[in-house]
Structure formats: structure tokens, C-alpha cells
Protein backbone atom coordinates (compact mmCIF):
# COMPACT_ATOMS: atom_id res chain seq x y z
CA UNK A 1 0.00 0.00 0.00
CA UNK A 2 1.43 3.33 -1.05
CA UNK A 3 1.98 5.81 1.76
CA UNK A 4 0.84 9.39 1.37
CA UNK A 5 3.37 12.06 2.27
CA UNK A 6 2.30 14.21 5.20
CA UNK A 7 1.17 17.76 4.37
CA UNK A 8 3.53 19.67 6.55
CA UNK A 9 5.09 23.10 6.29
CA UNK A 10 8.11 21.62 4.55
CA UNK A 11 6.09 20.59 1.48
CA UNK A 12 3.66 23.55 1.37
CA UNK A 13 4.50 25.91 -1.52
CA UNK A 14 5.41 29.43 -0.42
CA UNK A 15 2.26 31.02 -1.84
CA UNK A 16 2.77 34.31 -0.08
CA UNK A 17 6.24 34.75 -1.49
CA UNK A 18 5.04 33.85 -4.98
CA UNK A 19 2.15 36.32 -5.00
CA UNK A 20 3.92 39.28 -3.46
CA UNK A 21 6.12 41.05 -6.02
CA UNK A 22 9.44 42.35 -4.80
CA UNK A 23 9.20 46.02 -3.91
CA UNK A 24 12.04 48.34 -4.64
CA UNK A 25 12.93 50.41 -1.61
CA UNK A 26 15.47 53.10 -2.45
CA UNK A 27 18.47 53.28 -0.16
CA UNK A 28 18.38 56.11 2.37
CA UNK A 29 19.97 59.29 1.07
CA UNK A 30 21.59 62.06 3.09
CA UNK A 31 19.27 65.07 2.98
CA UNK A 32 20.36 68.69 2.80
CA UNK A 33 18.19 71.78 2.58
CA UNK A 34 19.35 72.41 -0.97
CA UNK A 35 18.63 68.82 -1.95
CA UNK A 36 15.14 68.95 -0.46
CA UNK A 37 14.37 72.25 -2.23
CA UNK A 38 15.55 70.80 -5.53
CA UNK A 39 13.47 67.71 -4.87
CA UNK A 40 10.39 69.83 -4.19
CA UNK A 41 10.94 71.66 -7.46
CA UNK A 42 11.27 68.37 -9.35
CA UNK A 43 8.23 66.95 -7.57
CA UNK A 44 6.26 69.93 -8.89
CA UNK A 45 7.01 68.51 -12.37
CA UNK A 46 8.19 71.55 -14.35
CA UNK A 47 7.66 69.66 -17.62
CA UNK A 48 3.95 69.60 -16.86
CA UNK A 49 3.77 73.39 -16.55
CA UNK A 50 3.49 73.66 -20.32
CA UNK A 51 -0.12 72.46 -19.93
CA UNK A 52 -0.93 75.78 -18.27
CA UNK A 53 -0.23 77.56 -21.56
CA UNK A 54 -3.85 76.60 -22.30
CA UNK A 55 -4.82 79.80 -20.46
CA UNK A 56 -3.98 81.75 -23.65
CA UNK A 57 -6.26 79.60 -25.84
CA UNK A 58 -9.47 81.59 -25.45
CA UNK A 59 -7.82 85.05 -25.74
CA UNK A 60 -5.88 83.88 -28.81
CA UNK A 61 -9.05 82.51 -30.41
CA UNK A 62 -10.82 85.82 -29.80
CA UNK A 63 -7.90 87.92 -31.10
CA UNK A 64 -7.42 89.53 -27.69
CA UNK A 65 -4.03 88.09 -26.83
CA UNK A 66 -2.18 91.38 -27.33
CA UNK A 67 -4.61 93.70 -25.58
CA UNK A 68 -2.82 96.14 -23.20
CA UNK A 69 -3.77 94.29 -20.00
CA UNK A 70 -3.98 90.78 -21.44
CA UNK A 71 -0.44 89.49 -20.98
CA UNK A 72 -0.02 90.52 -17.28
CA UNK A 73 -3.37 88.95 -16.37
CA UNK A 74 -2.63 85.77 -18.30
CA UNK A 75 0.83 85.54 -16.71
CA UNK A 76 -0.83 85.76 -13.29
CA UNK A 77 -3.34 83.03 -14.16
CA UNK A 78 -0.51 80.86 -15.53
CA UNK A 79 1.46 81.26 -12.28
CA UNK A 80 -1.60 80.51 -10.13
CA UNK A 81 -2.41 77.32 -12.03
CA UNK A 82 1.23 76.27 -11.87
CA UNK A 83 1.26 76.66 -8.08
CA UNK A 84 -2.02 74.75 -7.74
CA UNK A 85 -0.79 71.94 -9.97
CA UNK A 86 2.45 71.69 -7.97
CA UNK A 87 0.41 71.41 -4.77
CA UNK A 88 -1.64 68.58 -6.21
CA UNK A 89 1.45 66.74 -7.50
CA UNK A 90 3.14 66.93 -4.10
CA UNK A 91 0.12 65.63 -2.21
CA UNK A 92 -0.58 62.94 -4.80
CA UNK A 93 3.02 61.66 -4.80
CA UNK A 94 3.09 61.65 -1.00
CA UNK A 95 -0.06 59.52 -0.91
CA UNK A 96 1.17 57.16 -3.63
CA UNK A 97 4.73 56.82 -2.40
CA UNK A 98 4.54 53.05 -1.88
CA UNK A 99 2.95 52.37 -5.28
CA UNK A 100 5.47 54.65 -6.99
CA UNK A 101 8.34 52.66 -5.48
CA UNK A 102 7.00 49.58 -7.27
CA UNK A 103 7.00 51.37 -10.64
CA UNK A 104 10.12 51.14 -12.84
CA UNK A 105 10.06 54.87 -13.68
CA UNK A 106 8.07 56.53 -10.90
CA UNK A 107 10.39 55.12 -8.23
CA UNK A 108 12.87 57.81 -9.27
CA UNK A 109 10.50 60.64 -8.32
CA UNK A 110 11.91 62.74 -5.44
CA UNK A 111 9.39 61.60 -2.82
CA UNK A 112 9.49 57.93 -3.76
CA UNK A 113 13.30 58.05 -3.92
CA UNK A 114 13.52 59.56 -0.43
CA UNK A 115 14.93 62.91 -1.52
CA UNK A 116 11.89 64.72 -0.12
CA UNK A 117 10.38 63.45 3.16
CA UNK A 118 6.70 62.61 2.95
CA UNK A 119 5.69 65.03 5.79
CA UNK A 120 7.51 67.87 4.00
CA UNK A 121 5.68 67.09 0.77
CA UNK A 122 2.34 67.14 2.57
CA UNK A 123 3.18 70.42 4.34
CA UNK A 124 4.35 72.28 1.23
CA UNK A 125 1.55 70.88 -0.93
CA UNK A 126 -1.08 71.79 1.66
CA UNK A 127 0.32 75.31 2.05
CA UNK A 128 0.24 75.90 -1.71
CA UNK A 129 -3.29 74.48 -1.95
CA UNK A 130 -4.52 76.97 0.67
CA UNK A 131 -2.46 80.05 -0.21
CA UNK A 132 -2.90 80.01 -4.00
CA UNK A 133 -6.71 80.41 -4.03
CA UNK A 134 -6.33 83.08 -1.33
CA UNK A 135 -3.89 85.01 -3.52
CA UNK A 136 -6.21 84.56 -6.50
CA UNK A 137 -9.08 86.05 -4.50
CA UNK A 138 -6.99 89.19 -3.97
CA UNK A 139 -5.35 89.61 -7.38
CA UNK A 140 -7.53 87.86 -9.98
CA UNK A 141 -11.12 88.53 -11.12
CA UNK A 142 -13.74 86.75 -8.97
CA UNK A 143 -14.66 84.18 -11.67
CA UNK A 144 -11.01 83.15 -11.99
CA UNK A 145 -10.60 82.88 -8.20
CA UNK A 146 -13.74 80.72 -7.97
CA UNK A 147 -12.57 78.53 -10.84
CA UNK A 148 -9.15 78.10 -9.25
CA UNK A 149 -10.66 77.13 -5.90
CA UNK A 150 -12.91 74.61 -7.65
CA UNK A 151 -9.87 73.24 -9.50
CA UNK A 152 -7.94 72.70 -6.27
CA UNK A 153 -10.90 71.04 -4.56
CA UNK A 154 -11.58 68.78 -7.52
CA UNK A 155 -7.94 67.73 -7.90
CA UNK A 156 -7.55 66.99 -4.18
CA UNK A 157 -10.73 64.91 -4.29
CA UNK A 158 -9.19 63.13 -7.26
CA UNK A 159 -6.05 62.35 -5.25
CA UNK A 160 -8.06 60.99 -2.33
CA UNK A 161 -10.79 58.98 -4.01
CA UNK A 162 -12.00 60.02 -7.47
CA UNK A 163 -9.02 58.51 -9.28
CA UNK A 164 -10.30 55.12 -8.13
CA UNK A 165 -13.75 55.57 -9.74
CA UNK A 166 -14.23 54.28 -13.27
CA UNK A 167 -14.91 56.94 -15.94
CA UNK A 168 -14.99 59.68 -13.28
CA UNK A 169 -11.20 59.69 -13.22
CA UNK A 170 -11.13 60.43 -16.97
CA UNK A 171 -13.74 63.16 -16.55
CA UNK A 172 -11.82 64.86 -13.72
CA UNK A 173 -8.51 64.99 -15.60
CA UNK A 174 -10.28 66.25 -18.73
CA UNK A 175 -12.10 68.92 -16.73
CA UNK A 176 -8.76 70.11 -15.38
CA UNK A 177 -7.61 70.85 -18.94
CA UNK A 178 -10.91 72.55 -19.72
CA UNK A 179 -10.65 74.73 -16.62
CA UNK A 180 -7.22 75.94 -17.71
CA UNK A 181 -8.57 76.88 -21.12
CA UNK A 182 -11.61 78.63 -19.65
CA UNK A 183 -9.59 80.59 -17.08
CA UNK A 184 -7.89 82.75 -19.71
CA UNK A 185 -11.22 83.81 -21.16
CA UNK A 186 -12.64 84.56 -17.71
CA UNK A 187 -9.56 86.64 -16.81
CA UNK A 188 -10.23 88.97 -19.76
CA UNK A 189 -14.02 88.79 -19.75
CA UNK A 190 -14.17 86.93 -23.07
CA UNK A 191 -17.34 84.90 -23.77
CA UNK A 192 -16.52 81.23 -24.35
CA UNK A 193 -18.11 79.83 -27.49
CA UNK A 194 -19.75 76.42 -27.50
CA UNK A 195 -17.39 75.22 -30.26
CA UNK A 196 -14.35 76.27 -28.23
CA UNK A 197 -15.58 74.33 -25.20
CA UNK A 198 -16.54 71.24 -27.24
CA UNK A 199 -13.27 71.10 -29.17
CA UNK A 200 -11.11 71.77 -26.12
CA UNK A 201 -12.98 69.36 -23.86
CA UNK A 202 -13.05 66.41 -26.23
CA UNK A 203 -9.52 67.12 -27.45
CA UNK A 204 -8.40 66.85 -23.83
CA UNK A 205 -10.41 63.65 -23.34
CA UNK A 206 -8.74 62.23 -26.46
CA UNK A 207 -5.24 62.81 -25.02
CA UNK A 208 -6.16 61.67 -21.51
CA UNK A 209 -7.77 58.42 -22.65
CA UNK A 210 -4.94 57.78 -25.13
CA UNK A 211 -2.47 58.13 -22.26
CA UNK A 212 -4.49 55.70 -20.11
CA UNK A 213 -4.68 53.27 -23.01
CA UNK A 214 -0.90 53.43 -23.43
CA UNK A 215 -0.38 52.82 -19.71
CA UNK A 216 -2.72 49.84 -19.83
CA UNK A 217 -0.85 48.36 -22.79
CA UNK A 218 2.63 48.93 -21.36
CA UNK A 219 1.79 47.76 -17.83
CA UNK A 220 -0.31 44.76 -18.84
CA UNK A 221 -0.17 42.18 -16.05
CA UNK A 222 1.39 44.55 -13.50
CA UNK A 223 -0.92 47.56 -13.69
CA UNK A 224 -2.46 46.89 -10.31
CA UNK A 225 0.82 47.66 -8.57
CA UNK A 226 1.06 51.15 -10.02
CA UNK A 227 -2.38 52.45 -11.04
CA UNK A 228 -5.00 50.11 -9.62
CA UNK A 229 -7.85 51.41 -11.77
CA UNK A 230 -6.12 50.22 -14.93
CA UNK A 231 -7.02 46.68 -13.93
CA UNK A 232 -10.70 47.68 -14.13
CA UNK A 233 -10.51 49.19 -17.61
CA UNK A 234 -10.09 47.08 -20.70
CA UNK A 235 -7.89 48.22 -23.54
CA UNK A 236 -10.89 47.85 -25.84
CA UNK A 237 -12.90 50.31 -23.76
CA UNK A 238 -10.09 52.87 -23.56
CA UNK A 239 -9.58 52.57 -27.30
CA UNK A 240 -13.31 53.27 -27.79
CA UNK A 241 -13.06 56.37 -25.57
CA UNK A 242 -10.12 57.97 -27.37
CA UNK A 243 -11.60 57.20 -30.77
CA UNK A 244 -14.95 58.70 -29.76
CA UNK A 245 -13.28 61.79 -28.27
CA UNK A 246 -11.14 62.32 -31.36
CA UNK A 247 -14.21 62.16 -33.61
CA UNK A 248 -16.20 64.67 -31.54
CA UNK A 249 -13.21 67.05 -31.30
CA UNK A 250 -12.81 66.99 -35.10
CA UNK A 251 -16.55 67.51 -35.62
CA UNK A 252 -16.63 70.45 -33.20
CA UNK A 253 -13.65 72.09 -34.87
CA UNK A 254 -15.10 71.61 -38.35
CA UNK A 255 -18.43 73.16 -37.32
CA UNK A 256 -16.55 76.16 -35.92
CA UNK A 257 -14.35 76.54 -38.99
CA UNK A 258 -17.10 76.14 -41.59
CA UNK A 259 -19.85 78.24 -40.04
CA UNK A 260 -20.52 81.79 -41.24
CA UNK A 261 -18.38 84.16 -39.18
CA UNK A 262 -20.18 87.37 -40.05
CA UNK A 263 -19.49 87.54 -43.75
CA UNK A 264 -16.40 86.87 -45.91
CA UNK A 265 -13.22 85.63 -44.32
CA UNK A 266 -11.48 88.94 -45.13
CA UNK A 267 -8.01 87.45 -45.70
CA UNK A 268 -5.96 86.44 -48.69
CA UNK A 269 -7.11 82.84 -48.21
CA UNK A 270 -9.86 81.13 -46.16
CA UNK A 271 -7.39 80.26 -43.38
CA UNK A 272 -10.12 79.23 -40.97
CA UNK A 273 -11.42 76.57 -43.33
CA UNK A 274 -7.93 75.49 -44.41
CA UNK A 275 -6.89 75.01 -40.78
CA UNK A 276 -9.29 72.05 -40.67
CA UNK A 277 -6.81 70.05 -42.75
CA UNK A 278 -3.93 70.69 -40.34
CA UNK A 279 -6.14 69.98 -37.31
CA UNK A 280 -7.30 66.62 -38.68
CA UNK A 281 -3.76 65.67 -39.66
CA UNK A 282 -2.58 66.46 -36.12
CA UNK A 283 -5.32 64.24 -34.64
CA UNK A 284 -4.50 61.42 -37.04
CA UNK A 285 -0.77 61.67 -36.35
CA UNK A 286 -1.33 61.64 -32.58
CA UNK A 287 -3.63 58.65 -33.01
CA UNK A 288 -0.69 56.70 -34.46
CA UNK A 289 1.06 56.85 -31.07
CA UNK A 290 -2.20 56.14 -29.24
CA UNK A 291 -2.77 53.04 -31.36
CA UNK A 292 0.78 51.81 -30.67
CA UNK A 293 0.34 52.34 -26.94
CA UNK A 294 3.13 54.93 -26.80
CA UNK A 295 1.05 58.08 -26.20
CA UNK A 296 2.37 59.10 -22.80
CA UNK A 297 2.52 62.74 -21.73
CA UNK A 298 1.05 64.89 -24.55
CA UNK A 299 3.90 67.41 -24.51
CA UNK A 300 6.48 64.63 -24.85
CA UNK A 301 4.60 63.08 -27.78
CA UNK A 302 4.53 66.41 -29.62
CA UNK A 303 8.15 67.34 -28.89
CA UNK A 304 9.69 64.00 -29.81
CA UNK A 305 7.87 63.64 -33.15
CA UNK A 306 9.05 66.21 -35.69
CA UNK A 307 6.22 65.56 -38.11
CA UNK A 308 3.59 66.15 -35.41
CA UNK A 309 5.40 69.28 -34.21
CA UNK A 310 5.51 70.63 -37.78
CA UNK A 311 1.81 69.92 -38.28
CA UNK A 312 1.03 71.66 -34.99
CA UNK A 313 3.06 74.73 -36.00
CA UNK A 314 1.30 74.83 -39.37
CA UNK A 315 -2.07 74.68 -37.65
CA UNK A 316 -1.06 77.46 -35.25
CA UNK A 317 0.03 79.65 -38.16
CA UNK A 318 -3.24 79.09 -40.04
CA UNK A 319 -5.27 79.65 -36.89
CA UNK A 320 -3.42 82.88 -36.18
CA UNK A 321 -3.93 84.14 -39.75
CA UNK A 322 -7.63 83.31 -39.48
CA UNK A 323 -8.01 85.25 -36.23
CA UNK A 324 -6.00 88.19 -37.58
CA UNK A 325 -8.01 88.10 -40.86
CA UNK A 326 -4.85 88.28 -43.01
């Protein structure tokens, strides 16, 4: 009769060790005041500040960019949004420090790497989140101050809980882009057209969902360790979202460009209508990277691809000529 081996600890497979991925813990680094300050600056993600250039979108579209008081007001709004965004980044990275240490790239962020202590990140981020809306209330028009306060509240809610809610996380990030674009118009008292809001909003959703799709493709099988919500989305759904958003953005732009803007175009060529070609080409070119799963940060996609950068510059030139009626 064959004997059965006893089920003891010696023969039990180490399930816990197999299911728990190794976590990278950076070695402790000596901290100096200069190093912490540099880390705080890096944690504010200066590369992301280019997104705040959206505050000039509405004034540029209305031909009011070079009004006497436009540039100082827009510079103030740009600085306020930059400070608010830095506050959100600091608080978000402090909350996600453990998940970031498990990520091959994010583990090098100053807070995850130990260059900036977590309590310091919370303190500086909290101070910026409180002081920036207060400064806006004193220096900016009331609608801009209210919008900025709403932006801070929404982004902090995103850090705490909303980024874990399906679809809502996409809506919050998209709304952040839309708020930046609307703030410039509110600062100068410019009415925001429905086509401007539709094109800007769905264009932002296109880039946000394309970025999520790329993350889901690149982190397949390990997404739960870095951005837990990616395990809830399917790549098919995210692909549907960025394709839908791209289509609506193109439609909104075409309706704006082809509608009657109070008579003849007044320039040498119909630049407004011609700009549709460059806009669609830019969307199609960006969609190439989205389809490959390599559409990360929008500014990096544009800067690293010369063809896309050239198309964007061509569109800007046509758009400017249309607004100036040359």
C-alpha cells in the first residue's frame, strides 16, 4: 500500500512569497536643505507646466491676446495654475509613495526616492493648496478665483478617491484641462463659445484616454501595482473612448471653422477653413502613437515627433492668420 506524504510546512508551496512582487525600496539618502528644495521643485514637475499655456487659448481665439492688459493677467493666471498643480502633484506623490516605489520609472520621483520626506511634501503641498486660491481672491477677477478654488478642490478629491472611480477619473482629468482653457477667457471677460468648449474638452479627453490606453498596454499584467484602476478598464474600452473623443473634437472644430463668421473671411485665403486640414492631420498623427500604446505625456509626444510638431506649428500659423483676418 502506497503511503501518502504528510502535508507539513516543509512541502507547502510558499504562496505568499510567490504572489507578493518584490518592492524596490530606495536606499536612504543624506538630505540637505538644498537637496530637499531641488526635490520639491522636481516633484512639482516643471515639464507639466506647459499644460498651463492653455490659459492663452481663449484670448488667442478671440484675437485679444495682445490687448494692453492681457499678458499681465494671463501671466498671473498661468502662475496661479502652476502653483495649484504643484500642490496637487506633491500631495498625490506623497499619498502614492509606496505604489510609486513599485513602478520602474516613478520610483525615481523625489518623494518615492527619499529625496523629499513625505511630511515635508504634505506640508508644502497643503500650504500651496490653501495660499494660491487666497492670492487669487486678492489679485484675480472673482470668476477666476472661484474657478481656481474649484480646480484645487476637484484635484484633491481626485487624489483621495476620485481617481479610483471608473470613468470619473477620466472626466476629472479632462475637466482640469478645460478649466485651464476657460480661465484665460474669464480673466479677460471673453465669452466662451460652444465650439471652443466642445473642441477643447473632447480634445483633452482624447489625449487623456490615449495616455491611459498606453499605460494599460505597457503595464499589462502589473498595472495593479502602479495604477489600480487600470485593472478595471479594458484596452478595448479605452480605445473606444479615445476614438470617440477624437471624432467629436474633429466635428466640433469643423463646425466652428465652416460656419458663417459674419461675412467673408477677409483674408488672402480662407485660413479658418484650411486650418481644418492641419487639425485633422494632427489628430490622425497623434492617433498613431495612441494606437501603438506609446502616447504618454502629450507634450512629450509632440516634442519628440518632428512631423507632429511641424503639423502643430502649421495649424497654429493658419489659426493665427484666421483670427487676424490676413
